[in-house]
C-alpha atoms as a PDB file:
ATOM      1  CA  MET A   1     -35.599   7.685  -4.158  1.00  0.00           C
ATOM      2  CA  THR A   2     -35.531   8.014  -0.740  1.00  0.00           C
ATOM      3  CA  LEU A   3     -32.082   6.342   1.437  1.00  0.00           C
ATOM      4  CA  GLN A   4     -32.894   4.509   4.403  1.00  0.00           C
ATOM      5  CA  PRO A   5     -30.898   4.856   7.325  1.00  0.00           C
ATOM      6  CA  GLY A   6     -27.265   2.783   7.850  1.00  0.00           C
ATOM      7  CA  MET A   7     -24.950   0.875   5.790  1.00  0.00           C
ATOM      8  CA  ASP A   8     -25.644   0.344   2.339  1.00  0.00           C
ATOM      9  CA  HIS A   9     -24.424  -3.455   2.394  1.00  0.00           C
ATOM     10  CA  ASP A  10     -25.519  -6.115   4.560  1.00  0.00           C
ATOM     11  CA  ILE A  11     -21.953  -6.913   5.988  1.00  0.00           C
ATOM     12  CA  HIS A  12     -22.338  -5.347   9.668  1.00  0.00           C
ATOM     13  CA  ALA A  13     -24.828  -2.980  10.918  1.00  0.00           C
ATOM     14  CA  PHE A  14     -23.712   0.793  11.522  1.00  0.00           C
ATOM     15  CA  SER A  15     -22.916   1.381  15.314  1.00  0.00           C
ATOM     16  CA  ALA A  16     -21.795   4.732  16.756  1.00  0.00           C
ATOM     17  CA  GLN A  17     -19.634   5.056  19.721  1.00  0.00           C
ATOM     18  CA  PRO A  18     -21.347   7.050  21.740  1.00  0.00           C
ATOM     19  CA  TRP A  19     -24.613   4.749  21.388  1.00  0.00           C
ATOM     20  CA  ARG A  20     -23.180   0.994  22.441  1.00  0.00           C
ATOM     21  CA  PRO A  21     -22.432  -0.727  25.405  1.00  0.00           C
ATOM     22  CA  GLU A  22     -19.266   0.630  27.024  1.00  0.00           C
ATOM     23  CA  ARG A  23     -16.537  -2.399  26.692  1.00  0.00           C
ATOM     24  CA  ALA A  24     -13.750  -3.022  29.266  1.00  0.00           C
ATOM     25  CA  TRP A  25     -10.828  -5.307  30.064  1.00  0.00           C
ATOM     26  CA  ARG A  26     -11.216  -7.569  32.750  1.00  0.00           C
ATOM     27  CA  SER A  27      -7.378  -6.906  32.915  1.00  0.00           C
ATOM     28  CA  GLY A  28      -8.747  -3.151  34.254  1.00  0.00           C
ATOM     29  CA  ARG A  29      -6.411  -1.582  31.528  1.00  0.00           C
ATOM     30  CA  LYS A  30      -8.386   0.239  29.046  1.00  0.00           C
ATOM     31  CA  LEU A  31      -5.876  -0.256  25.567  1.00  0.00           C
ATOM     32  CA  ALA A  32      -4.887  -3.531  24.372  1.00  0.00           C
ATOM     33  CA  VAL A  33      -2.338  -3.566  21.920  1.00  0.00           C
ATOM     34  CA  TYR A  34      -1.540  -6.128  19.294  1.00  0.00           C
ATOM     35  CA  LEU A  35       1.947  -6.624  17.178  1.00  0.00           C
ATOM     36  CA  LEU A  36       1.629  -7.703  13.805  1.00  0.00           C
ATOM     37  CA  LEU A  37       4.669  -9.041  12.470  1.00  0.00           C
ATOM     38  CA  HIS A  38       4.525  -9.643   8.524  1.00  0.00           C
ATOM     39  CA  VAL A  39       6.293 -12.602   7.174  1.00  0.00           C
ATOM     40  CA  GLU A  40       5.485 -12.059   2.965  1.00  0.00           C
ATOM     41  CA  HIS A  41       6.796 -13.541  -0.168  1.00  0.00           C
ATOM     42  CA  THR A  42       6.114 -12.017  -2.932  1.00  0.00           C
ATOM     43  CA  GLU A  43       6.248 -13.367  -7.131  1.00  0.00           C
ATOM     44  CA  ILE A  44       8.721 -12.266  -9.067  1.00  0.00           C
ATOM     45  CA  VAL A  45       6.103 -12.956 -12.133  1.00  0.00           C
ATOM     46  CA  PRO A  46       2.850 -13.445 -10.702  1.00  0.00           C
ATOM     47  CA  PRO A  47      -0.138 -15.746 -12.490  1.00  0.00           C
ATOM     48  CA  ALA A  48      -1.585 -13.762 -15.636  1.00  0.00           C
ATOM     49  CA  ASP A  49      -4.924 -13.349 -13.885  1.00  0.00           C
ATOM     50  CA  THR A  50      -4.146 -12.466 -10.392  1.00  0.00           C
ATOM     51  CA  HIS A  51      -4.136  -9.044  -9.388  1.00  0.00           C
ATOM     52  CA  ARG A  52      -1.406  -6.840  -7.792  1.00  0.00           C
ATOM     53  CA  ASP A  53      -1.501  -3.260  -5.910  1.00  0.00           C
ATOM     54  CA  PRO A  54      -0.418  -0.850  -8.023  1.00  0.00           C
ATOM     55  CA  ARG A  55       1.127   0.770  -5.030  1.00  0.00           C
ATOM     56  CA  PHE A  56       4.231  -1.689  -4.352  1.00  0.00           C
ATOM     57  CA  ARG A  57       5.773  -1.331  -7.797  1.00  0.00           C
ATOM     58  CA  GLY A  58       9.550  -0.757  -8.181  1.00  0.00           C
ATOM     59  CA  ALA A  59      10.606   2.978  -7.794  1.00  0.00           C
ATOM     60  CA  PHE A  60      12.373   2.932 -11.425  1.00  0.00           C
ATOM     61  CA  PHE A  61      10.323   0.164 -12.901  1.00  0.00           C
ATOM     62  CA  SER A  62       6.968  -0.464 -13.155  1.00  0.00           C
ATOM     63  CA  GLY A  63       6.947  -4.060 -15.899  1.00  0.00           C
ATOM     64  CA  THR A  64       7.116  -7.641 -14.633  1.00  0.00           C
ATOM     65  CA  PRO A  65       9.776  -8.959 -13.604  1.00  0.00           C
ATOM     66  CA  ASP A  66       9.899  -6.185 -10.894  1.00  0.00           C
ATOM     67  CA  TRP A  67      13.222  -7.174  -9.575  1.00  0.00           C
ATOM     68  CA  THR A  68      13.584  -4.007  -7.096  1.00  0.00           C
ATOM     69  CA  ALA A  69      10.083  -5.024  -5.331  1.00  0.00           C
ATOM     70  CA  TYR A  70      11.023  -8.463  -5.001  1.00  0.00           C
ATOM     71  CA  THR A  71      14.422  -7.991  -3.720  1.00  0.00           C
ATOM     72  CA  LEU A  72      13.611  -5.567  -1.079  1.00  0.00           C
ATOM     73  CA  ARG A  73      10.876  -7.596   0.293  1.00  0.00           C
ATOM     74  CA  ASP A  74      12.913 -10.696   0.026  1.00  0.00           C
ATOM     75  CA  TYR A  75      15.518  -8.462   1.944  1.00  0.00           C
ATOM     76  CA  GLY A  76      13.087  -8.426   4.946  1.00  0.00           C
ATOM     77  CA  ASN A  77      13.236 -12.336   5.253  1.00  0.00           C
ATOM     78  CA  ARG A  78      16.611 -12.614   5.240  1.00  0.00           C
ATOM     79  CA  ILE A  79      18.212  -9.964   7.180  1.00  0.00           C
ATOM     80  CA  GLY A  80      14.904  -7.859   8.658  1.00  0.00           C
ATOM     81  CA  ALA A  81      13.089 -10.112  10.133  1.00  0.00           C
ATOM     82  CA  TRP A  82      15.854 -11.429  12.366  1.00  0.00           C
ATOM     83  CA  ARG A  83      16.495  -7.866  13.415  1.00  0.00           C
ATOM     84  CA  ILE A  84      13.316  -7.386  14.573  1.00  0.00           C
ATOM     85  CA  LEU A  85      12.766 -11.008  16.343  1.00  0.00           C
ATOM     86  CA  ASP A  86      16.206  -9.784  18.383  1.00  0.00           C
ATOM     87  CA  VAL A  87      13.802  -6.515  19.460  1.00  0.00           C
ATOM     88  CA  LEU A  88      10.365  -8.619  21.037  1.00  0.00           C
ATOM     89  CA  ASP A  89      13.231 -11.422  22.334  1.00  0.00           C
ATOM     90  CA  ARG A  90      15.229  -8.425  24.242  1.00  0.00           C
ATOM     91  CA  LEU A  91      11.778  -6.906  25.067  1.00  0.00           C
ATOM     92  CA  LYS A  92       9.903 -10.359  26.096  1.00  0.00           C
ATOM     93  CA  LEU A  93       7.093  -9.076  23.908  1.00  0.00           C
ATOM     94  CA  PRO A  94       4.152 -11.705  22.305  1.00  0.00           C
ATOM     95  CA  ALA A  95       3.530 -10.917  18.463  1.00  0.00           C
ATOM     96  CA  SER A  96       0.462 -12.183  16.121  1.00  0.00           C
ATOM     97  CA  VAL A  97       2.502 -12.825  12.843  1.00  0.00           C
ATOM     98  CA  ALA A  98       0.577 -12.012   9.273  1.00  0.00           C
ATOM     99  CA  VAL A  99       2.406 -15.472   6.902  1.00  0.00           C
ATOM    100  CA  ASN A 100       1.542 -16.011   3.963  1.00  0.00           C
ATOM    101  CA  LEU A 101       1.555 -19.370   2.500  1.00  0.00           C
ATOM    102  CA  MET A 102       4.210 -19.003   0.420  1.00  0.00           C
ATOM    103  CA  ALA A 103       6.104 -18.008   3.318  1.00  0.00           C
ATOM    104  CA  ALA A 104       5.700 -20.739   5.265  1.00  0.00           C
ATOM    105  CA  GLN A 105       6.282 -22.929   2.120  1.00  0.00           C
ATOM    106  CA  ARG A 106       9.603 -21.344   1.324  1.00  0.00           C
ATOM    107  CA  HIS A 107      11.261 -19.672   4.637  1.00  0.00           C
ATOM    108  CA  PRO A 108      10.725 -22.594   7.050  1.00  0.00           C
ATOM    109  CA  GLU A 109      13.531 -21.444   9.116  1.00  0.00           C
ATOM    110  CA  LEU A 110      11.042 -18.092   9.522  1.00  0.00           C
ATOM    111  CA  VAL A 111       8.427 -20.008  10.633  1.00  0.00           C
ATOM    112  CA  ALA A 112       9.991 -22.109  12.993  1.00  0.00           C
ATOM    113  CA  ALA A 113      11.278 -19.041  14.804  1.00  0.00           C
ATOM    114  CA  CYS A 114       8.434 -17.224  15.104  1.00  0.00           C
ATOM    115  CA  ARG A 115       6.575 -20.721  15.900  1.00  0.00           C
ATOM    116  CA  ASP A 116       9.286 -21.822  18.723  1.00  0.00           C
ATOM    117  CA  ARG A 117       8.726 -17.802  20.723  1.00  0.00           C
ATOM    118  CA  GLY A 118       4.709 -18.588  20.905  1.00  0.00           C
ATOM    119  CA  PHE A 119       3.669 -16.246  18.709  1.00  0.00           C
ATOM    120  CA  GLU A 120       0.159 -16.180  17.120  1.00  0.00           C
ATOM    121  CA  PRO A 121      -0.271 -17.286  12.964  1.00  0.00           C
ATOM    122  CA  VAL A 122      -2.652 -15.154  11.005  1.00  0.00           C
ATOM    123  CA  ALA A 123      -3.042 -16.116   7.514  1.00  0.00           C
ATOM    124  CA  HIS A 124      -2.601 -13.715   5.048  1.00  0.00           C
ATOM    125  CA  GLY A 125      -3.508 -14.842   1.804  1.00  0.00           C
ATOM    126  CA  VAL A 126      -1.178 -16.917  -0.858  1.00  0.00           C
ATOM    127  CA  SER A 127       1.153 -14.241  -2.102  1.00  0.00           C
ATOM    128  CA  ALA A 128       2.055 -10.418  -1.477  1.00  0.00           C
ATOM    129  CA  SER A 129       1.236 -10.186  -4.940  1.00  0.00           C
ATOM    130  CA  ARG A 130      -2.033 -11.898  -5.042  1.00  0.00           C
ATOM    131  CA  MET A 131      -4.512  -9.196  -3.826  1.00  0.00           C
ATOM    132  CA  PRO A 132      -8.290 -10.345  -3.585  1.00  0.00           C
ATOM    133  CA  THR A 133     -10.448  -8.720  -5.486  1.00  0.00           C
ATOM    134  CA  SER A 134     -14.187  -8.664  -7.142  1.00  0.00           C
ATOM    135  CA  ARG A 135     -12.435 -10.053 -10.157  1.00  0.00           C
ATOM    136  CA  MET A 136     -12.581 -13.094  -8.298  1.00  0.00           C
ATOM    137  CA  THR A 137     -15.880 -15.903  -8.383  1.00  0.00           C
ATOM    138  CA  GLU A 138     -17.393 -16.666  -5.048  1.00  0.00           C
ATOM    139  CA  ALA A 139     -16.354 -19.801  -6.022  1.00  0.00           C
ATOM    140  CA  GLU A 140     -12.922 -18.836  -6.493  1.00  0.00           C
ATOM    141  CA  GLU A 141     -12.621 -16.635  -3.855  1.00  0.00           C
ATOM    142  CA  ARG A 142     -13.325 -19.596  -1.375  1.00  0.00           C
ATOM    143  CA  ALA A 143     -11.109 -21.904  -2.999  1.00  0.00           C
ATOM    144  CA  ALA A 144      -8.392 -19.488  -2.473  1.00  0.00           C
ATOM    145  CA  ILE A 145      -9.235 -18.898   1.430  1.00  0.00           C
ATOM    146  CA  ILE A 146      -9.271 -23.177   2.086  1.00  0.00           C
ATOM    147  CA  GLU A 147      -6.028 -23.670   0.288  1.00  0.00           C
ATOM    148  CA  VAL A 148      -4.340 -21.036   2.424  1.00  0.00           C
ATOM    149  CA  ARG A 149      -6.003 -22.397   5.723  1.00  0.00           C
ATOM    150  CA  ASP A 150      -5.299 -25.907   4.772  1.00  0.00           C
ATOM    151  CA  GLY A 151      -2.113 -25.048   3.591  1.00  0.00           C
ATOM    152  CA  LEU A 152      -0.550 -23.111   7.051  1.00  0.00           C
ATOM    153  CA  ALA A 153      -2.315 -26.003   8.799  1.00  0.00           C
ATOM    154  CA  ALA A 154       0.487 -28.253   8.036  1.00  0.00           C
ATOM    155  CA  ILE A 155       3.388 -25.740   7.920  1.00  0.00           C
ATOM    156  CA  TRP A 156       1.963 -23.408  11.544  1.00  0.00           C
ATOM    157  CA  PRO A 157      -1.421 -25.063  12.709  1.00  0.00           C
ATOM    158  CA  GLY A 158      -3.453 -22.601  14.434  1.00  0.00           C
ATOM    159  CA  ALA A 159      -3.958 -19.355  12.611  1.00  0.00           C
ATOM    160  CA  THR A 160      -7.915 -18.431  13.836  1.00  0.00           C
ATOM    161  CA  GLY A 161      -7.580 -15.357  12.141  1.00  0.00           C
ATOM    162  CA  TRP A 162      -7.203 -13.439   8.279  1.00  0.00           C
ATOM    163  CA  LEU A 163      -5.378 -10.703   6.912  1.00  0.00           C
ATOM    164  CA  GLY A 164      -6.110 -10.116   3.610  1.00  0.00           C
ATOM    165  CA  GLN A 165      -3.550  -9.049   1.055  1.00  0.00           C
ATOM    166  CA  ASP A 166      -3.172  -5.247   0.955  1.00  0.00           C
ATOM    167  CA  HIS A 167      -6.507  -5.594   3.519  1.00  0.00           C
ATOM    168  CA  GLY A 168      -8.276  -6.670  -0.075  1.00  0.00           C
ATOM    169  CA  ALA A 169     -11.486  -8.082  -0.141  1.00  0.00           C
ATOM    170  CA  THR A 170     -15.110  -8.578  -1.274  1.00  0.00           C
ATOM    171  CA  ALA A 171     -18.525  -8.573  -0.351  1.00  0.00           C
ATOM    172  CA  HIS A 172     -18.554 -12.082   0.067  1.00  0.00           C
ATOM    173  CA  THR A 173     -14.948 -12.152   1.777  1.00  0.00           C
ATOM    174  CA  THR A 174     -16.406 -12.115   5.384  1.00  0.00           C
ATOM    175  CA  ARG A 175     -18.967 -15.194   5.523  1.00  0.00           C
ATOM    176  CA  LEU A 176     -16.845 -16.984   3.421  1.00  0.00           C
ATOM    177  CA  LEU A 177     -14.247 -16.672   5.909  1.00  0.00           C
ATOM    178  CA  ALA A 178     -16.238 -17.953   8.886  1.00  0.00           C
ATOM    179  CA  GLU A 179     -17.499 -20.481   6.591  1.00  0.00           C
ATOM    180  CA  ALA A 180     -14.095 -21.266   6.285  1.00  0.00           C
ATOM    181  CA  GLY A 181     -13.790 -21.559  10.287  1.00  0.00           C
ATOM    182  CA  PHE A 182     -12.049 -18.107  10.876  1.00  0.00           C
ATOM    183  CA  ALA A 183     -12.254 -16.179  14.142  1.00  0.00           C
ATOM    184  CA  TYR A 184     -11.816 -13.244  13.137  1.00  0.00           C
ATOM    185  CA  GLY A 185     -10.355 -10.639  10.754  1.00  0.00           C
ATOM    186  CA  LEU A 186      -8.397  -7.940  10.528  1.00  0.00           C
ATOM    187  CA  ASP A 187      -9.092  -5.706   7.349  1.00  0.00           C
ATOM    188  CA  TRP A 188     -11.707  -2.561   8.228  1.00  0.00           C
ATOM    189  CA  ALA A 189     -10.475  -0.399   9.771  1.00  0.00           C
ATOM    190  CA  ASN A 190     -13.878   1.331  10.411  1.00  0.00           C
ATOM    191  CA  ASP A 191     -13.384   0.979  14.577  1.00  0.00           C
ATOM    192  CA  GLU A 192     -10.962   0.905  17.658  1.00  0.00           C
ATOM    193  CA  GLU A 193     -13.303  -1.649  19.555  1.00  0.00           C
ATOM    194  CA  PRO A 194     -13.529  -5.791  17.624  1.00  0.00           C
ATOM    195  CA  TYR A 195     -17.458  -5.682  16.966  1.00  0.00           C
ATOM    196  CA  HIS A 196     -19.368  -8.668  14.931  1.00  0.00           C
ATOM    197  CA  HIS A 197     -20.046  -9.216  11.280  1.00  0.00           C
ATOM    198  CA  ALA A 198     -23.152 -10.419  10.857  1.00  0.00           C
ATOM    199  CA  SER A 199     -21.392 -13.140   9.822  1.00  0.00           C
ATOM    200  CA  GLY A 200     -20.116 -13.524  13.501  1.00  0.00           C
ATOM    201  CA  LEU A 201     -16.534 -13.432  12.516  1.00  0.00           C
ATOM    202  CA  VAL A 202     -15.072 -10.504  14.357  1.00  0.00           C
ATOM    203  CA  ALA A 203     -13.801  -7.777  12.911  1.00  0.00           C
ATOM    204  CA  MET A 204     -10.093  -6.737  14.940  1.00  0.00           C
ATOM    205  CA  PRO A 205      -8.911  -3.101  13.871  1.00  0.00           C
ATOM    206  CA  PRO A 206      -6.278  -3.478  11.778  1.00  0.00           C
ATOM    207  CA  PRO A 207      -3.022  -1.128  12.377  1.00  0.00           C
ATOM    208  CA  GLY A 208      -4.305   1.288   9.838  1.00  0.00           C
ATOM    209  CA  GLU A 209      -2.424   4.685   9.925  1.00  0.00           C
ATOM    210  CA  TRP A 210       0.745   2.729  13.064  1.00  0.00           C
ATOM    211  CA  ASP A 211       1.539   0.368   9.963  1.00  0.00           C
ATOM    212  CA  ASP A 212       4.883   0.663   9.131  1.00  0.00           C
ATOM    213  CA  VAL A 213       4.089   0.819   5.239  1.00  0.00           C
ATOM    214  CA  GLN A 214       1.040   3.041   5.117  1.00  0.00           C
ATOM    215  CA  THR A 215       2.961   6.050   7.016  1.00  0.00           C
ATOM    216  CA  LEU A 216       6.570   5.591   6.630  1.00  0.00           C
ATOM    217  CA  VAL A 217       6.325   3.938   2.642  1.00  0.00           C
ATOM    218  CA  LEU A 218       3.140   5.421   0.792  1.00  0.00           C
ATOM    219  CA  ARG A 219       2.646   8.529   3.407  1.00  0.00           C
ATOM    220  CA  ARG A 220       5.981   9.193   3.732  1.00  0.00           C
ATOM    221  CA  VAL A 221       6.084  10.587   7.124  1.00  0.00           C
ATOM    222  CA  PRO A 222       9.788  10.871   8.576  1.00  0.00           C
ATOM    223  CA  VAL A 223      10.964   7.588  10.323  1.00  0.00           C
ATOM    224  CA  PRO A 224      11.738   9.923  13.259  1.00  0.00           C
ATOM    225  CA  ARG A 225       8.316  10.349  14.344  1.00  0.00           C
ATOM    226  CA  TRP A 226       6.821   6.858  14.621  1.00  0.00           C
ATOM    227  CA  PRO A 227       7.576   6.386  18.317  1.00  0.00           C
ATOM    228  CA  GLY A 228       6.172  10.253  18.694  1.00  0.00           C
ATOM    229  CA  LEU A 229       2.493   8.804  16.864  1.00  0.00           C
ATOM    230  CA  VAL A 230       2.527   5.373  18.831  1.00  0.00           C
ATOM    231  CA  ARG A 231       2.826   7.458  22.134  1.00  0.00           C
ATOM    232  CA  ASP A 232       0.131  10.252  20.974  1.00  0.00           C
ATOM    233  CA  ALA A 233      -1.980   7.410  20.257  1.00  0.00           C
ATOM    234  CA  VAL A 234      -1.759   5.486  23.010  1.00  0.00           C
ATOM    235  CA  GLU A 235      -1.756   8.418  25.208  1.00  0.00           C
ATOM    236  CA  ARG A 236      -5.156   9.758  24.000  1.00  0.00           C
ATOM    237  CA  LEU A 237      -6.490   5.862  24.042  1.00  0.00           C
ATOM    238  CA  VAL A 238      -5.762   5.410  27.877  1.00  0.00           C
ATOM    239  CA  ALA A 239      -6.545   8.856  28.768  1.00  0.00           C
ATOM    240  CA  GLU A 240     -10.325   8.930  27.681  1.00  0.00           C
ATOM    241  CA  GLU A 241     -12.645   7.787  29.797  1.00  0.00           C
ATOM    242  CA  ARG A 242     -13.770   4.889  27.447  1.00  0.00           C
ATOM    243  CA  GLY A 243     -12.327   1.474  27.882  1.00  0.00           C
ATOM    244  CA  GLY A 244     -12.080  -1.842  25.251  1.00  0.00           C
ATOM    245  CA  ARG A 245     -10.127  -0.391  22.802  1.00  0.00           C
ATOM    246  CA  VAL A 246      -7.335  -2.033  20.707  1.00  0.00           C
ATOM    247  CA  LEU A 247      -4.486  -0.805  18.669  1.00  0.00           C
ATOM    248  CA  GLY A 248      -2.781  -2.780  16.717  1.00  0.00           C
ATOM    249  CA  ILE A 249       0.829  -1.569  15.177  1.00  0.00           C
ATOM    250  CA  GLY A 250       2.119  -2.970  11.761  1.00  0.00           C
ATOM    251  CA  ILE A 251       5.625  -4.234  11.314  1.00  0.00           C
ATOM    252  CA  HIS A 252       6.646  -5.279   7.716  1.00  0.00           C
ATOM    253  CA  PRO A 253      10.768  -6.312   7.865  1.00  0.00           C
ATOM    254  CA  TRP A 254      11.678  -5.550   4.529  1.00  0.00           C
ATOM    255  CA  VAL A 255      10.823  -1.821   6.289  1.00  0.00           C
ATOM    256  CA  MET A 256      11.599  -1.280   9.833  1.00  0.00           C
ATOM    257  CA  GLY A 257      14.142  -4.275  10.169  1.00  0.00           C
ATOM    258  CA  ALA A 258      16.100  -2.228   7.858  1.00  0.00           C
ATOM    259  CA  PRO A 259      19.092  -0.608   9.730  1.00  0.00           C
ATOM    260  CA  HIS A 260      18.428   2.896   9.643  1.00  0.00           C
ATOM    261  CA  ARG A 261      14.442   2.621  11.345  1.00  0.00           C
ATOM    262  CA  ILE A 262      14.977  -0.356  13.591  1.00  0.00           C
ATOM    263  CA  ARG A 263      15.847   2.149  16.237  1.00  0.00           C
ATOM    264  CA  TYR A 264      12.947   3.965  16.202  1.00  0.00           C
ATOM    265  CA  LEU A 265      10.780   0.448  15.983  1.00  0.00           C
ATOM    266  CA  ALA A 266      13.096  -0.545  19.501  1.00  0.00           C
ATOM    267  CA  GLU A 267      12.107   2.809  20.965  1.00  0.00           C
ATOM    268  CA  SER A 268       8.716   2.855  20.243  1.00  0.00           C
ATOM    269  CA  LEU A 269       8.334  -0.775  21.878  1.00  0.00           C
ATOM    270  CA  ALA A 270      10.362  -0.382  24.446  1.00  0.00           C
ATOM    271  CA  TRP A 271       8.052   2.883  25.957  1.00  0.00           C
ATOM    272  CA  LEU A 272       5.111   0.467  25.392  1.00  0.00           C
ATOM    273  CA  ALA A 273       6.827  -2.541  27.422  1.00  0.00           C
ATOM    274  CA  ALA A 274       7.368  -0.253  30.438  1.00  0.00           C
ATOM    275  CA  ARG A 275       3.822   0.818  30.844  1.00  0.00           C
ATOM    276  CA  ASP A 276       2.032  -0.495  33.447  1.00  0.00           C
ATOM    277  CA  ASP A 277      -1.937   0.594  32.120  1.00  0.00           C
ATOM    278  CA  ILE A 278      -1.466  -1.227  28.823  1.00  0.00           C
ATOM    279  CA  GLU A 279      -1.605  -4.831  27.899  1.00  0.00           C
ATOM    280  CA  VAL A 280       0.428  -6.292  24.843  1.00  0.00           C
ATOM    281  CA  THR A 281      -0.631  -9.175  23.737  1.00  0.00           C
ATOM    282  CA  THR A 282      -1.723 -11.372  20.117  1.00  0.00           C
ATOM    283  CA  ALA A 283      -5.271  -9.552  17.841  1.00  0.00           C
ATOM    284  CA  GLY A 284      -6.028 -13.836  18.415  1.00  0.00           C
ATOM    285  CA  ALA A 285      -6.276 -13.556  22.197  1.00  0.00           C
ATOM    286  CA  LEU A 286      -7.836  -9.787  21.660  1.00  0.00           C
ATOM    287  CA  ALA A 287     -10.805 -12.003  19.450  1.00  0.00           C
ATOM    288  CA  ALA A 288     -11.140 -14.951  21.821  1.00  0.00           C
ATOM    289  CA  ASP A 289     -12.322 -11.784  24.300  1.00  0.00           C
ATOM    290  CA  ALA A 290     -14.510 -10.671  22.074  1.00  0.00           C
ATOM    291  CA  LEU A 291     -16.311 -13.812  21.772  1.00  0.00           C
ATOM    292  CA  GLY A 292     -16.329 -14.813  25.452  1.00  0.00           C
ATOM    293  CA  VAL A 293     -14.285 -17.941  25.102  1.00  0.00           C
ATOM    294  CA  ALA A 294     -10.476 -18.791  26.711  1.00  0.00           C
ATOM    295  CA  PRO A 295      -7.321 -16.975  24.518  1.00  0.00           C
ATOM    296  CA  PRO A 296      -5.083 -19.365  23.214  1.00  0.00           C
ATOM    297  CA  THR A 297      -2.241 -20.711  25.111  1.00  0.00           C
ATOM    298  CA  SER A 298       1.417 -18.997  24.206  1.00  0.00           C
ATOM    299  CA  SER A 299       4.685 -20.992  25.346  1.00  0.00           C
ATOM    300  CA  ARG A 300       5.648 -17.621  25.797  1.00  0.00           C
ATOM    301  CA  ASP A 301       2.656 -16.481  28.106  1.00  0.00           C
ATOM    302  CA  ARG A 302       3.537 -13.529  30.189  1.00  0.00           C
ATOM    303  CA  GLY A 303       0.914 -14.498  33.060  1.00  0.00           C
ATOM    304  CA  ALA A 304      -2.509 -13.237  31.864  1.00  0.00           C
ATOM    305  CA  SER A 305      -4.954 -14.734  33.324  1.00  0.00           C
ATOM    306  CA  PRO A 306      -6.642 -18.011  30.923  1.00  0.00           C
ATOM    307  CA  ASP A 307     -10.441 -16.502  32.246  1.00  0.00           C
ATOM    308  CA  ARG A 308      -9.132 -12.653  30.683  1.00  0.00           C
ATOM    309  CA  PHE A 309     -12.673 -12.435  28.877  1.00  0.00           C
ATOM    310  CA  LEU A 310     -13.852  -8.638  27.337  1.00  0.00           C
ATOM    311  CA  VAL A 311     -16.616  -7.951  29.506  1.00  0.00           C
ATOM    312  CA  LEU A 312     -19.618  -5.123  28.989  1.00  0.00           C
ATOM    313  CA  ARG A 313     -20.525  -2.419  31.695  1.00  0.00           C
ATOM    314  CA  PRO A 314     -24.112  -0.881  32.575  1.00  0.00           C
ATOM    315  CA  PHE A 315     -24.715   1.374  30.003  1.00  0.00           C
ATOM    316  CA  ARG A 316     -25.974   4.756  30.486  1.00  0.00           C
ATOM    317  CA  SER A 317     -27.028   6.852  27.371  1.00  0.00           C
ATOM    318  CA  PRO A 318     -25.457  10.258  26.684  1.00  0.00           C
ATOM    319  CA  ARG A 319     -29.484  11.426  26.653  1.00  0.00           C
ATOM    320  CA  ASP A 320     -29.428  10.121  30.864  1.00  0.00           C
ATOM    321  CA  SER A 321     -27.111  12.696  31.772  1.00  0.00           C
END
């Protein structure tokens, strides 16, 4: 068998960074940062035909109902989210909010608090206990996407982006999202710049290593190291010659909203807010830049120019050096 160069799928083409046109933010900053706040509801007893990420079972029990996992996430909506909102208020920082449909329906006070701050909604599936997988038929996945799109639009309009629960997806997801009218997705961790899938959907770099669950819960990195990880990433990306980079920071209220962790989140965000060589914005604004359209307006606009968009600088191949 002869292997052909490139990807083993047709979702998007392969593109190594040194061989593509150089990108730059018109603001002159090399790096843009977005904060991704999760507002999630998880079901005590999910439907029998749904799939749940097994990594997030309770520490002492793996059956159903899993009261430990359920109440820990409920803590995030009752307590942790409000601590985090206080930090964002103090620093006057915007946020993208990954909100699932059940959370939007069951926690109107939290949704209103985020909406009134001018934050951006990001569609995040039905429930934290329903992960998209290839066990779903294409028709089932399409119906789930439309259910979330329409249900969230009735509660908090304006979602142009999608985040799969636990980054779950199928071979059809990017096409189905584009067909449903979404502009970007946050599930492909293979780049530091936005790019386009074959469907036209913009792939926005997700938080990945800078997601609190991935780093602090699953990998068990000590929480005092968190601010240093953020600083190291930002300083490296700013120091490199290439611009047009994106860094997402994933924030779960049941993790970073805890009293022993909130100080480290506040420290890292204060450090970001104090820098004038990066831009802290929303994922939706960055996706709009990548599409060459004006970014969505916000009730808490920090003065960003409405005609700012992602532009291409003349590309010079390393072979020409």
